[in-house]
Protein backbone atom coordinates (compact mmCIF):
# COMPACT_ATOMS: atom_id res chain seq x y z
CA MET A 1 -226.98 34.64 -9.90
CA THR A 2 -224.67 31.64 -10.11
CA ARG A 3 -221.82 30.85 -7.80
CA PRO A 4 -218.28 31.04 -9.18
CA VAL A 5 -216.88 27.65 -10.12
CA GLN A 6 -214.32 26.43 -7.60
CA PRO A 7 -211.22 24.85 -9.15
CA ARG A 8 -210.77 21.14 -8.51
CA LEU A 9 -207.20 20.22 -7.76
CA PRO A 10 -205.85 16.78 -8.59
CA VAL A 11 -204.90 14.75 -5.53
CA THR A 12 -202.20 12.10 -5.65
CA ALA A 13 -202.84 8.56 -4.45
CA TRP A 14 -200.54 9.18 -1.46
CA THR A 15 -202.42 12.34 -0.44
CA LEU A 16 -205.75 10.56 -0.77
CA ALA A 17 -204.46 7.70 1.40
CA VAL A 18 -203.34 10.16 4.10
CA LEU A 19 -206.68 11.95 4.01
CA ARG A 20 -208.62 8.69 4.31
CA ARG A 21 -206.47 7.12 7.04
CA CYS A 22 -205.53 10.11 9.17
CA TYR A 23 -208.50 12.46 8.82
CA ARG A 24 -211.52 10.17 8.90
CA GLY A 25 -214.78 12.03 9.27
CA GLU A 26 -213.33 15.33 8.05
CA LYS A 27 -214.04 16.81 4.66
CA PRO A 28 -210.87 16.57 2.52
CA GLU A 29 -211.25 20.19 1.36
CA HIS A 30 -211.20 21.39 4.99
CA VAL A 31 -208.08 19.37 5.79
CA LEU A 32 -206.30 20.64 2.65
CA GLU A 33 -207.27 24.24 3.41
CA ARG A 34 -205.81 23.91 6.92
CA ALA A 35 -202.65 22.42 5.45
CA ALA A 36 -202.28 25.26 2.93
CA ARG A 37 -202.83 27.84 5.68
CA MET A 38 -200.21 26.21 7.93
CA LEU A 39 -197.70 26.03 5.07
CA ALA A 40 -198.27 29.65 4.04
CA THR A 41 -197.90 30.76 7.66
CA ALA A 42 -194.69 28.76 8.12
CA ASP A 43 -193.27 30.15 4.87
CA GLY A 44 -194.00 33.73 5.98
CA HIS A 45 -196.66 34.49 3.35
CA LEU A 46 -199.41 35.37 5.86
CA HIS A 47 -199.84 38.08 8.46
CA PRO A 48 -200.63 36.82 11.99
CA ASP A 49 -204.33 37.56 11.37
CA GLY A 50 -204.36 35.34 8.25
CA ARG A 51 -204.20 38.04 5.55
CA ILE A 52 -201.91 37.34 2.59
CA LYS A 53 -198.79 39.52 2.61
CA THR A 54 -198.18 41.76 -0.40
CA GLY A 55 -195.55 44.27 -1.39
CA ALA A 56 -192.25 44.76 0.40
CA SER A 57 -193.37 42.98 3.57
CA GLY A 58 -194.35 39.81 1.70
CA ARG A 59 -191.92 37.22 0.49
CA PRO A 60 -191.23 37.14 -3.24
CA ALA A 61 -193.14 34.66 -5.40
CA GLY A 62 -189.96 33.40 -7.06
CA ARG A 63 -186.32 33.17 -6.22
CA PRO A 64 -183.99 35.84 -7.58
CA SER A 65 -181.51 34.70 -10.22
């Protein structure tokens, strides 16, 4: 059985510079995952236990017109 292919996201030169200068010794994918989790938490998309909110309790994906 093969593992599912993980998507590779493009990283800007600025992001790469921050990762190299500020997070030496850490794997970039771990730093970016932490950043995404913090952003999703701050934006109200996650429950306190880390589960993604869905339905009426979650925030809408887009802005209403």
